[in-house]
Amino acid sequence: MNAQTPSLTHTPGLTVRVPAHVMLQELDGETVLLNLDSELYLGLNESGTRIFKSLDEADTIEAAYRDLLDRYDVEPERLRQELDRMLAELFEHGLLEVAAD
């Protein structure tokens, strides 16, 4: 995310989902996501897996942010930046999409 790109965690009511063309597998606390259309895969370490699970389980990105903030000893702005960075990467590679209302 750069200075001109708005923070996704500041977008009220925004919900994400894993697209149908993405497979995921968790093993020993880590996750591999595979975009079947592009054949691109991404591995997430334990921290990335926890963030991904929170995004997948929460009603909104903001709810996931609050959940992660409650669980971990992290500065709010640093978490927001890391979450925005991860969301941008997942969107860019077609591994997450905005859920339709």
C-alpha atoms as a PDB file:
ATOM      1  CA  MET A   1       0.000   0.000   0.000  1.00  0.00           C
ATOM      2  CA  ASN A   2       1.375   3.395  -0.860  1.00  0.00           C
ATOM      3  CA  ALA A   3       0.360   6.880   0.238  1.00  0.00           C
ATOM      4  CA  GLN A   4      -2.339   7.107  -2.458  1.00  0.00           C
ATOM      5  CA  THR A   5      -3.893   3.690  -1.795  1.00  0.00           C
ATOM      6  CA  PRO A   6      -6.527   3.805   0.948  1.00  0.00           C
ATOM      7  CA  SER A   7      -6.199   1.428   3.857  1.00  0.00           C
ATOM      8  CA  LEU A   8      -8.441  -1.587   3.359  1.00  0.00           C
ATOM      9  CA  THR A   9      -8.704  -1.954   7.121  1.00  0.00           C
ATOM     10  CA  HIS A  10     -10.283   1.523   7.232  1.00  0.00           C
ATOM     11  CA  THR A  11     -13.029   0.606   4.748  1.00  0.00           C
ATOM     12  CA  PRO A  12     -16.197   0.055   6.801  1.00  0.00           C
ATOM     13  CA  GLY A  13     -18.123  -3.136   6.125  1.00  0.00           C
ATOM     14  CA  LEU A  14     -15.606  -4.566   3.630  1.00  0.00           C
ATOM     15  CA  THR A  15     -15.703  -8.372   3.638  1.00  0.00           C
ATOM     16  CA  VAL A  16     -13.346 -10.741   1.845  1.00  0.00           C
ATOM     17  CA  ARG A  17     -13.580 -14.367   0.851  1.00  0.00           C
ATOM     18  CA  VAL A  18     -11.451 -17.062  -0.706  1.00  0.00           C
ATOM     19  CA  PRO A  19     -12.424 -17.404  -4.391  1.00  0.00           C
ATOM     20  CA  ALA A  20     -13.650 -20.754  -5.727  1.00  0.00           C
ATOM     21  CA  HIS A  21     -10.503 -21.083  -7.860  1.00  0.00           C
ATOM     22  CA  VAL A  22      -8.251 -21.101  -4.778  1.00  0.00           C
ATOM     23  CA  MET A  23      -7.338 -24.210  -2.838  1.00  0.00           C
ATOM     24  CA  LEU A  24      -5.755 -24.045   0.567  1.00  0.00           C
ATOM     25  CA  GLN A  25      -4.111 -26.557   2.820  1.00  0.00           C
ATOM     26  CA  GLU A  26      -2.968 -26.061   6.388  1.00  0.00           C
ATOM     27  CA  LEU A  27      -0.238 -28.227   7.853  1.00  0.00           C
ATOM     28  CA  ASP A  28       1.527 -27.784  11.183  1.00  0.00           C
ATOM     29  CA  GLY A  29       0.209 -24.232  11.595  1.00  0.00           C
ATOM     30  CA  GLU A  30       1.314 -23.066   8.156  1.00  0.00           C
ATOM     31  CA  THR A  31      -0.876 -22.646   5.077  1.00  0.00           C
ATOM     32  CA  VAL A  32      -0.340 -22.987   1.342  1.00  0.00           C
ATOM     33  CA  LEU A  33      -2.762 -21.183  -0.986  1.00  0.00           C
ATOM     34  CA  LEU A  34      -2.936 -22.231  -4.648  1.00  0.00           C
ATOM     35  CA  ASN A  35      -4.634 -20.175  -7.359  1.00  0.00           C
ATOM     36  CA  LEU A  36      -5.794 -22.873  -9.782  1.00  0.00           C
ATOM     37  CA  ASP A  37      -6.292 -20.335 -12.596  1.00  0.00           C
ATOM     38  CA  SER A  38      -2.785 -18.872 -12.522  1.00  0.00           C
ATOM     39  CA  GLU A  39      -1.039 -21.833 -10.849  1.00  0.00           C
ATOM     40  CA  LEU A  40       0.515 -19.360  -8.420  1.00  0.00           C
ATOM     41  CA  TYR A  41       0.964 -20.512  -4.858  1.00  0.00           C
ATOM     42  CA  LEU A  42       1.796 -18.685  -1.674  1.00  0.00           C
ATOM     43  CA  GLY A  43       2.996 -20.123   1.613  1.00  0.00           C
ATOM     44  CA  LEU A  44       1.996 -18.496   4.880  1.00  0.00           C
ATOM     45  CA  ASN A  45       3.960 -18.965   8.097  1.00  0.00           C
ATOM     46  CA  GLU A  46       2.162 -19.329  11.435  1.00  0.00           C
ATOM     47  CA  SER A  47       1.611 -15.565  11.803  1.00  0.00           C
ATOM     48  CA  GLY A  48       0.322 -15.255   8.247  1.00  0.00           C
ATOM     49  CA  THR A  49      -1.931 -18.257   8.793  1.00  0.00           C
ATOM     50  CA  ARG A  50      -3.454 -16.685  11.918  1.00  0.00           C
ATOM     51  CA  ILE A  51      -4.077 -13.429  10.023  1.00  0.00           C
ATOM     52  CA  PHE A  52      -5.575 -15.336   7.090  1.00  0.00           C
ATOM     53  CA  LYS A  53      -7.858 -17.357   9.379  1.00  0.00           C
ATOM     54  CA  SER A  54      -9.021 -14.202  11.107  1.00  0.00           C
ATOM     55  CA  LEU A  55      -9.831 -12.591   7.742  1.00  0.00           C
ATOM     56  CA  ASP A  56     -11.681 -15.722   6.623  1.00  0.00           C
ATOM     57  CA  GLU A  57     -13.691 -16.091   9.851  1.00  0.00           C
ATOM     58  CA  ALA A  58     -14.520 -12.435  10.584  1.00  0.00           C
ATOM     59  CA  ASP A  59     -17.575 -10.624   9.279  1.00  0.00           C
ATOM     60  CA  THR A  60     -15.444  -7.722   8.025  1.00  0.00           C
ATOM     61  CA  ILE A  61     -11.791  -6.779   7.625  1.00  0.00           C
ATOM     62  CA  GLU A  62     -12.212  -4.334  10.501  1.00  0.00           C
ATOM     63  CA  ALA A  63     -13.513  -7.163  12.725  1.00  0.00           C
ATOM     64  CA  ALA A  64     -10.473  -9.266  11.800  1.00  0.00           C
ATOM     65  CA  TYR A  65      -8.233  -6.314  12.647  1.00  0.00           C
ATOM     66  CA  ARG A  66      -9.867  -5.923  16.063  1.00  0.00           C
ATOM     67  CA  ASP A  67      -9.608  -9.677  16.711  1.00  0.00           C
ATOM     68  CA  LEU A  68      -5.894  -9.686  15.900  1.00  0.00           C
ATOM     69  CA  LEU A  69      -5.322  -6.549  17.972  1.00  0.00           C
ATOM     70  CA  ASP A  70      -6.964  -8.260  20.960  1.00  0.00           C
ATOM     71  CA  ARG A  71      -4.911 -11.454  20.505  1.00  0.00           C
ATOM     72  CA  TYR A  72      -1.446 -10.035  19.967  1.00  0.00           C
ATOM     73  CA  ASP A  73       0.790  -7.505  21.633  1.00  0.00           C
ATOM     74  CA  VAL A  74       1.286  -5.243  18.629  1.00  0.00           C
ATOM     75  CA  GLU A  75       1.039  -1.533  17.966  1.00  0.00           C
ATOM     76  CA  PRO A  76      -2.298  -0.765  16.252  1.00  0.00           C
ATOM     77  CA  GLU A  77      -0.737   1.116  13.342  1.00  0.00           C
ATOM     78  CA  ARG A  78       1.864  -1.585  12.716  1.00  0.00           C
ATOM     79  CA  LEU A  79      -0.873  -4.239  12.624  1.00  0.00           C
ATOM     80  CA  ARG A  80      -2.925  -2.098  10.247  1.00  0.00           C
ATOM     81  CA  GLN A  81       0.070  -1.682   7.923  1.00  0.00           C
ATOM     82  CA  GLU A  82       0.909  -5.407   7.967  1.00  0.00           C
ATOM     83  CA  LEU A  83      -2.718  -6.376   7.408  1.00  0.00           C
ATOM     84  CA  ASP A  84      -3.040  -3.929   4.506  1.00  0.00           C
ATOM     85  CA  ARG A  85       0.215  -5.248   2.994  1.00  0.00           C
ATOM     86  CA  MET A  86      -0.979  -8.846   3.241  1.00  0.00           C
ATOM     87  CA  LEU A  87      -4.421  -8.010   1.824  1.00  0.00           C
ATOM     88  CA  ALA A  88      -2.835  -6.204  -1.124  1.00  0.00           C
ATOM     89  CA  GLU A  89      -0.629  -9.223  -1.886  1.00  0.00           C
ATOM     90  CA  LEU A  90      -3.514 -11.690  -1.590  1.00  0.00           C
ATOM     91  CA  PHE A  91      -5.738  -9.537  -3.842  1.00  0.00           C
ATOM     92  CA  GLU A  92      -2.939  -9.015  -6.369  1.00  0.00           C
ATOM     93  CA  HIS A  93      -2.443 -12.760  -6.767  1.00  0.00           C
ATOM     94  CA  GLY A  94      -6.165 -13.579  -6.866  1.00  0.00           C
ATOM     95  CA  LEU A  95      -6.042 -15.451  -3.552  1.00  0.00           C
ATOM     96  CA  LEU A  96      -8.723 -13.282  -1.910  1.00  0.00           C
ATOM     97  CA  GLU A  97     -11.561 -11.218  -3.314  1.00  0.00           C
ATOM     98  CA  VAL A  98     -14.093  -8.723  -2.009  1.00  0.00           C
ATOM     99  CA  ALA A  99     -17.257 -10.576  -1.061  1.00  0.00           C
ATOM    100  CA  ALA A 100     -20.469  -9.436  -2.705  1.00  0.00           C
ATOM    101  CA  ASP A 101     -23.128  -8.204  -0.295  1.00  0.00           C
END
